[in-house]
Protein backbone atom coordinates (compact mmCIF):
# COMPACT_ATOMS: atom_id res chain seq x y z
CA UNK A 1 -31.01 -154.10 5.91
CA UNK A 2 -29.60 -154.32 9.48
CA UNK A 3 -31.75 -156.18 12.00
CA UNK A 4 -32.59 -153.05 14.01
CA UNK A 5 -33.82 -151.32 10.84
CA UNK A 6 -35.84 -154.40 9.91
CA UNK A 7 -37.40 -154.52 13.38
CA UNK A 8 -38.32 -150.83 13.21
CA UNK A 9 -39.72 -151.33 9.69
CA UNK A 10 -41.94 -154.22 10.81
CA UNK A 11 -43.02 -152.33 13.93
CA UNK A 12 -44.08 -149.26 11.96
CA UNK A 13 -45.87 -151.32 9.30
CA UNK A 14 -47.77 -153.56 11.73
CA UNK A 15 -48.99 -150.74 13.93
CA UNK A 16 -50.06 -148.51 11.04
CA UNK A 17 -51.88 -151.40 9.37
CA UNK A 18 -53.74 -152.42 12.52
CA UNK A 19 -54.64 -148.85 13.45
CA UNK A 20 -56.01 -148.16 9.97
CA UNK A 21 -58.08 -151.32 9.51
CA UNK A 22 -61.33 -150.53 11.40
CA UNK A 23 -61.56 -147.03 9.95
CA UNK A 24 -61.07 -148.37 6.44
CA UNK A 25 -63.90 -150.87 6.91
CA UNK A 26 -66.28 -148.11 8.01
CA UNK A 27 -65.17 -145.89 5.13
CA UNK A 28 -65.68 -148.67 2.57
CA UNK A 29 -69.23 -149.25 3.82
CA UNK A 30 -70.13 -145.55 3.71
CA UNK A 31 -68.77 -145.24 0.17
CA UNK A 32 -70.69 -148.33 -0.94
CA UNK A 33 -74.01 -147.03 0.38
CA UNK A 34 -73.51 -143.72 -1.42
CA UNK A 35 -72.61 -145.47 -4.67
CA UNK A 36 -75.61 -147.78 -4.48
CA UNK A 37 -78.23 -145.15 -3.76
CA UNK A 38 -76.93 -142.00 -5.53
CA UNK A 39 -76.74 -142.66 -9.32
CA UNK A 40 -74.12 -140.82 -11.39
CA UNK A 41 -76.83 -139.46 -13.73
CA UNK A 42 -78.52 -137.83 -10.76
CA UNK A 43 -75.27 -136.10 -9.79
CA UNK A 44 -74.88 -134.74 -13.32
CA UNK A 45 -78.34 -133.21 -13.15
CA UNK A 46 -77.56 -131.64 -9.76
CA UNK A 47 -74.45 -129.97 -11.19
CA UNK A 48 -76.09 -128.41 -14.26
CA UNK A 49 -77.00 -125.03 -12.72
CA UNK A 50 -75.01 -122.10 -11.37
CA UNK A 51 -75.53 -120.58 -7.96
CA UNK A 52 -74.79 -121.41 -4.36
CA UNK A 53 -76.77 -124.61 -4.04
CA UNK A 54 -75.14 -126.53 -6.95
CA UNK A 55 -71.66 -125.62 -5.68
CA UNK A 56 -72.56 -126.77 -2.18
CA UNK A 57 -74.00 -129.98 -3.62
CA UNK A 58 -70.95 -130.68 -5.79
CA UNK A 59 -68.59 -130.01 -2.89
CA UNK A 60 -70.57 -132.23 -0.53
CA UNK A 61 -70.89 -135.11 -2.98
CA UNK A 62 -67.21 -134.85 -3.82
CA UNK A 63 -66.40 -135.26 -0.13
CA UNK A 64 -68.36 -138.50 -0.03
CA UNK A 65 -67.19 -140.27 -3.19
CA UNK A 66 -64.02 -142.42 -3.08
CA UNK A 67 -62.27 -141.32 -6.27
CA UNK A 68 -58.67 -140.61 -7.18
CA UNK A 69 -57.82 -137.70 -9.46
CA UNK A 70 -57.54 -139.89 -12.56
CA UNK A 71 -60.94 -141.46 -11.84
CA UNK A 72 -62.77 -138.19 -11.28
CA UNK A 73 -61.29 -136.41 -14.32
CA UNK A 74 -63.29 -138.16 -17.09
CA UNK A 75 -66.45 -137.88 -15.00
CA UNK A 76 -65.95 -134.15 -14.51
CA UNK A 77 -65.11 -133.51 -18.17
CA UNK A 78 -68.14 -135.50 -19.27
CA UNK A 79 -70.41 -133.49 -17.00
CA UNK A 80 -69.05 -130.18 -18.31
CA UNK A 81 -69.58 -131.28 -21.90
CA UNK A 82 -73.08 -132.36 -20.88
CA UNK A 83 -73.95 -128.86 -19.69
CA UNK A 84 -72.76 -128.75 -16.08
CA UNK A 85 -71.43 -125.43 -14.80
CA UNK A 86 -67.63 -125.30 -14.93
CA UNK A 87 -67.23 -123.71 -11.52
CA UNK A 88 -69.50 -126.31 -9.96
CA UNK A 89 -67.44 -129.08 -11.52
CA UNK A 90 -64.22 -127.45 -10.26
CA UNK A 91 -65.55 -127.81 -6.72
CA UNK A 92 -66.23 -131.47 -7.42
CA UNK A 93 -62.80 -132.00 -9.01
CA UNK A 94 -61.14 -130.59 -5.89
CA UNK A 95 -63.02 -132.43 -3.15
CA UNK A 96 -63.62 -135.81 -4.81
CA UNK A 97 -59.95 -136.91 -4.99
CA UNK A 98 -58.80 -135.05 -1.87
CA UNK A 99 -61.56 -136.13 0.52
CA UNK A 100 -63.59 -139.27 1.07
CA UNK A 101 -64.98 -141.07 4.13
CA UNK A 102 -62.04 -143.49 3.97
CA UNK A 103 -59.45 -140.71 3.76
CA UNK A 104 -61.01 -138.64 6.55
CA UNK A 105 -61.32 -141.59 8.92
CA UNK A 106 -57.77 -142.68 8.16
CA UNK A 107 -56.46 -139.15 8.69
CA UNK A 108 -58.31 -139.00 12.00
CA UNK A 109 -56.79 -142.31 13.03
CA UNK A 110 -53.23 -141.48 12.04
CA UNK A 111 -52.89 -137.71 12.50
CA UNK A 112 -55.49 -136.82 15.10
CA UNK A 113 -58.56 -134.59 15.28
CA UNK A 114 -56.99 -131.14 15.04
CA UNK A 115 -54.94 -131.99 11.95
CA UNK A 116 -57.96 -133.67 10.32
CA UNK A 117 -60.32 -130.75 11.00
CA UNK A 118 -57.85 -128.30 9.47
CA UNK A 119 -57.31 -130.55 6.45
CA UNK A 120 -61.04 -131.02 5.79
CA UNK A 121 -61.90 -127.37 6.43
CA UNK A 122 -59.22 -126.14 4.04
CA UNK A 123 -60.34 -128.51 1.27
CA UNK A 124 -64.04 -127.70 1.62
CA UNK A 125 -63.68 -123.93 1.92
CA UNK A 126 -61.21 -123.80 -0.97
CA UNK A 127 -63.48 -125.90 -3.19
CA UNK A 128 -66.46 -123.64 -2.44
CA UNK A 129 -64.53 -120.46 -3.24
CA UNK A 130 -63.12 -121.97 -6.45
CA UNK A 131 -66.62 -123.01 -7.50
CA UNK A 132 -68.13 -119.58 -6.96
CA UNK A 133 -65.28 -117.83 -8.78
CA UNK A 134 -65.38 -120.36 -11.60
CA UNK A 135 -69.10 -119.93 -12.16
CA UNK A 136 -68.59 -116.16 -12.30
CA UNK A 137 -65.66 -116.21 -14.73
CA UNK A 138 -66.05 -119.33 -16.90
CA UNK A 139 -68.70 -119.96 -19.52
CA UNK A 140 -70.64 -123.20 -19.74
CA UNK A 141 -70.81 -125.66 -22.60
CA UNK A 142 -74.26 -125.66 -24.27
CA UNK A 143 -76.05 -128.79 -23.01
CA UNK A 144 -76.56 -131.31 -25.84
CA UNK A 145 -80.01 -132.69 -26.41
CA UNK A 146 -80.77 -136.30 -25.65
CA UNK A 147 -77.76 -136.91 -23.38
CA UNK A 148 -78.07 -139.50 -20.65
CA UNK A 149 -77.23 -137.01 -17.94
CA UNK A 150 -80.51 -135.15 -18.59
CA UNK A 151 -82.67 -138.27 -18.27
CA UNK A 152 -83.87 -139.74 -15.01
CA UNK A 153 -82.16 -143.07 -14.27
CA UNK A 154 -84.24 -146.21 -14.55
CA UNK A 155 -85.87 -147.39 -11.35
CA UNK A 156 -83.90 -150.09 -9.59
CA UNK A 157 -86.34 -152.90 -8.87
CA UNK A 158 -83.98 -154.99 -6.74
CA UNK A 159 -84.94 -155.70 -3.15
CA UNK A 160 -83.23 -153.92 -0.26
CA UNK A 161 -81.44 -157.12 0.62
CA UNK A 162 -80.09 -157.51 -2.90
CA UNK A 163 -78.91 -153.92 -2.98
CA UNK A 164 -77.27 -154.30 0.43
CA UNK A 165 -75.43 -157.40 -0.78
CA UNK A 166 -74.35 -155.57 -3.93
CA UNK A 167 -73.10 -152.65 -1.83
CA UNK A 168 -71.15 -154.98 0.44
CA UNK A 169 -69.66 -156.82 -2.52
CA UNK A 170 -68.54 -153.56 -4.13
CA UNK A 171 -67.15 -152.23 -0.84
CA UNK A 172 -64.86 -155.17 -0.12
CA UNK A 173 -64.28 -156.88 -3.48
CA UNK A 174 -64.12 -153.89 -5.83
CA UNK A 175 -63.29 -150.73 -3.87
CA UNK A 176 -61.44 -152.65 -1.17
CA UNK A 177 -59.30 -154.52 -3.67
CA UNK A 178 -58.55 -151.33 -5.61
CA UNK A 179 -57.65 -149.16 -2.62
CA UNK A 180 -56.05 -151.77 -0.38
CA UNK A 181 -53.18 -152.50 -2.77
CA UNK A 182 -52.29 -148.81 -2.94
CA UNK A 183 -52.77 -148.49 0.80
CA UNK A 184 -50.41 -151.37 1.58
CA UNK A 185 -47.85 -149.83 -0.77
CA UNK A 186 -48.28 -146.53 1.03
CA UNK A 187 -47.87 -148.22 4.41
CA UNK A 188 -44.72 -149.98 3.22
CA UNK A 189 -43.29 -146.68 1.97
CA UNK A 190 -44.21 -145.03 5.26
CA UNK A 191 -42.55 -147.78 7.26
CA UNK A 192 -39.44 -147.58 5.09
CA UNK A 193 -39.25 -143.81 5.62
CA UNK A 194 -39.24 -144.25 9.37
CA UNK A 195 -36.83 -147.18 9.35
CA UNK A 196 -34.27 -146.14 6.74
CA UNK A 197 -34.08 -142.36 6.34
CA UNK A 198 -31.75 -140.51 8.72
CA UNK A 199 -33.83 -138.83 11.40
CA UNK A 200 -32.42 -135.38 10.74
CA UNK A 201 -32.58 -135.41 6.94
CA UNK A 202 -36.28 -134.64 6.45
CA UNK A 203 -36.31 -132.26 9.41
CA UNK A 204 -33.49 -130.29 7.80
CA UNK A 205 -35.10 -129.97 4.36
CA UNK A 206 -38.85 -129.91 5.11
CA UNK A 207 -39.08 -129.39 8.85
CA UNK A 208 -38.78 -125.62 8.90
CA UNK A 209 -42.03 -123.67 9.09
CA UNK A 210 -41.13 -121.42 6.17
CA UNK A 211 -43.02 -120.30 3.08
CA UNK A 212 -40.57 -121.92 0.65
CA UNK A 213 -40.93 -125.28 2.39
CA UNK A 214 -44.62 -125.22 1.47
CA UNK A 215 -43.78 -124.22 -2.10
CA UNK A 216 -41.42 -127.20 -2.51
CA UNK A 217 -44.05 -129.62 -1.19
CA UNK A 218 -46.84 -128.16 -3.34
CA UNK A 219 -44.78 -128.36 -6.54
CA UNK A 220 -43.95 -131.97 -5.71
CA UNK A 221 -47.61 -132.74 -5.07
CA UNK A 222 -48.85 -131.10 -8.27
CA UNK A 223 -46.57 -133.02 -10.62
CA UNK A 224 -46.72 -136.47 -9.01
CA UNK A 225 -49.54 -139.00 -8.86
CA UNK A 226 -50.79 -139.80 -5.37
CA UNK A 227 -54.12 -140.90 -3.91
CA UNK A 228 -55.55 -139.55 -0.68
CA UNK A 229 -55.84 -142.85 1.20
CA UNK A 230 -52.32 -144.21 0.54
CA UNK A 231 -50.90 -140.72 1.17
CA UNK A 232 -52.10 -140.67 4.79
CA UNK A 233 -49.60 -143.16 6.25
CA UNK A 234 -46.82 -141.65 4.13
CA UNK A 235 -47.51 -138.17 5.49
CA UNK A 236 -47.72 -139.56 9.02
CA UNK A 237 -44.31 -141.14 8.64
CA UNK A 238 -42.92 -137.87 7.27
CA UNK A 239 -44.37 -136.01 10.26
CA UNK A 240 -42.67 -138.46 12.57
CA UNK A 241 -39.46 -137.96 10.59
CA UNK A 242 -39.56 -134.19 11.06
CA UNK A 243 -41.67 -132.58 8.31
CA UNK A 244 -43.67 -129.56 9.47
CA UNK A 245 -47.48 -129.92 9.96
CA UNK A 246 -48.07 -127.23 7.34
CA UNK A 247 -46.06 -129.16 4.77
CA UNK A 248 -48.13 -132.25 5.57
CA UNK A 249 -51.38 -130.35 5.04
CA UNK A 250 -50.10 -128.80 1.81
CA UNK A 251 -49.06 -132.15 0.36
CA UNK A 252 -52.36 -133.85 1.26
CA UNK A 253 -54.24 -131.13 -0.66
CA UNK A 254 -51.98 -130.64 -3.68
CA UNK A 255 -50.92 -134.27 -4.11
CA UNK A 256 -54.17 -136.26 -4.35
CA UNK A 257 -56.19 -133.48 -6.03
CA UNK A 258 -54.23 -133.54 -9.28
CA UNK A 259 -51.08 -134.54 -11.13
CA UNK A 260 -49.23 -133.38 -14.22
CA UNK A 261 -51.03 -135.79 -16.52
CA UNK A 262 -54.43 -134.66 -15.28
CA UNK A 263 -53.54 -131.00 -15.73
CA UNK A 264 -52.50 -131.65 -19.34
CA UNK A 265 -55.71 -133.57 -20.04
CA UNK A 266 -57.81 -130.89 -18.36
CA UNK A 267 -56.20 -128.18 -20.49
CA UNK A 268 -56.77 -130.15 -23.68
CA UNK A 269 -60.44 -130.87 -22.91
CA UNK A 270 -61.65 -127.78 -21.04
CA UNK A 271 -59.14 -125.10 -22.04
CA UNK A 272 -56.42 -123.04 -20.44
CA UNK A 273 -58.62 -120.72 -18.35
CA UNK A 274 -60.38 -123.57 -16.56
CA UNK A 275 -57.09 -125.38 -15.96
CA UNK A 276 -55.38 -122.20 -14.74
CA UNK A 277 -58.18 -121.47 -12.27
CA UNK A 278 -58.10 -125.08 -11.05
CA UNK A 279 -54.32 -124.97 -10.55
CA UNK A 280 -54.33 -121.57 -8.86
CA UNK A 281 -57.11 -122.71 -6.54
CA UNK A 282 -55.12 -125.77 -5.47
CA UNK A 283 -51.95 -123.75 -4.90
CA UNK A 284 -53.75 -121.10 -2.85
CA UNK A 285 -55.61 -123.75 -0.84
CA UNK A 286 -52.42 -125.66 -0.10
CA UNK A 287 -50.49 -122.53 0.87
CA UNK A 288 -53.32 -121.25 3.05
CA UNK A 289 -53.76 -124.55 4.86
CA UNK A 290 -50.02 -124.91 5.33
CA UNK A 291 -49.54 -121.38 6.63
CA UNK A 292 -52.47 -121.69 9.04
CA UNK A 293 -51.08 -124.99 10.33
CA UNK A 294 -47.53 -123.73 10.78
CA UNK A 295 -48.20 -120.24 12.11
CA UNK A 296 -51.51 -120.55 13.95
CA UNK A 297 -52.79 -124.04 14.80
CA UNK A 298 -49.34 -125.56 15.42
CA UNK A 299 -47.41 -122.32 15.92
CA UNK A 300 -45.48 -123.75 18.90
CA UNK A 301 -44.47 -126.89 17.04
CA UNK A 302 -40.82 -127.76 17.74
CA UNK A 303 -40.60 -131.46 17.04
CA UNK A 304 -37.19 -133.12 16.94
CA UNK A 305 -37.26 -136.62 15.40
CA UNK A 306 -36.14 -139.31 17.81
CA UNK A 307 -36.04 -143.10 17.63
CA UNK A 308 -37.58 -143.27 21.12
CA UNK A 309 -41.29 -143.61 20.35
CA UNK A 310 -41.57 -140.21 18.75
CA UNK A 311 -40.71 -138.31 21.94
CA UNK A 312 -39.77 -134.72 21.26
CA UNK A 313 -37.61 -132.01 22.65
CA UNK A 314 -39.37 -128.71 23.15
CA UNK A 315 -42.84 -127.51 24.02
CA UNK A 316 -44.76 -129.38 21.32
CA UNK A 317 -44.42 -132.73 19.66
CA UNK A 318 -45.98 -135.02 17.07
CA UNK A 319 -47.78 -137.02 19.73
CA UNK A 320 -49.64 -133.90 20.86
CA UNK A 321 -51.77 -133.96 17.71
CA UNK A 322 -51.31 -137.56 16.56
CA UNK A 323 -52.31 -139.09 19.87
CA UNK A 324 -51.21 -142.72 20.14
CA UNK A 325 -49.91 -142.90 16.58
CA UNK A 326 -46.25 -142.30 17.46
CA UNK A 327 -44.30 -145.30 16.28
CA UNK A 328 -42.76 -147.84 18.64
CA UNK A 329 -39.23 -149.02 18.17
CA UNK A 330 -39.83 -152.78 18.12
CA UNK A 331 -42.27 -155.32 16.71
CA UNK A 332 -43.31 -156.61 20.14
CA UNK A 333 -43.99 -153.07 21.35
CA UNK A 334 -46.02 -152.41 18.21
CA UNK A 335 -48.22 -155.44 18.82
CA UNK A 336 -48.72 -154.43 22.43
CA UNK A 337 -49.83 -150.89 21.55
CA UNK A 338 -52.65 -151.96 19.21
CA UNK A 339 -56.13 -151.75 20.84
CA UNK A 340 -57.88 -155.12 21.03
CA UNK A 341 -60.89 -153.95 19.01
CA UNK A 342 -58.67 -153.20 15.99
CA UNK A 343 -57.78 -156.86 15.50
CA UNK A 344 -61.13 -158.23 14.19
């Protein structure tokens, strides 16, 4: 690797890592509090009915739990077999891997407020619609008698201090260790994209705001395994390399929410109709979010990738919705652009 590429690689990696750190800490703590005080058995009971309220509850809880698609799948299947409404669980299966406090805060840090609001709004609205349609079209499994999900969880007699320590331990030793490895890998991939790929290559293939560009990205996201948190820096690097905002939105929805292995397992356990509705919902969500981004929210987007700090030619640029996240060209510049409060 030539020295200029190495310097750009280190600059991109250092700045992305430092910018992400404080938001990750906050996200870990929020996730730990939810895990400590909202038992899984309670969630299963909340999901057991049809109607508006259970779908809203499943969607909201899914937004708060830090789970990847492979983690949420056995939980969702178990709840359905325990009597939970299929449509309600579809809402949970969509939001849980795609959204979490960590992912939202990281997206806000790396891609800016407008991009994040569109991403979250598309995920939540799509999950709600899929849940309502699923409850109308899909039948439930008969709830078995004597299952744990129908029994109130035992009272936790630990003190508040003990529970707080347990939450902190899980946040930084369990969840942190699990997510941080993937996140660092994602940051390394993102830095490599910026440092090594020709600036015009991604812009040529995925930079056009066309319908087929979104289709390519969605197909890629559906068949590959990605997690929402590590995907954020990768998508940011692709945006800086020339991918359209709509393609970024589409990948963040289709990629983390499922993968080919999960779809096969879902079909085997819950049947073809449930899997088909789940897949169609993700495709429609991704297309809708991508089209809104490309043709409404960022309709004037004309970014041309440049090695000069992400500056663009034309009326709109990456920095206009990413804020200060545009990458510097050198390691020293990267260190200088990091706010002081990110270092602790």
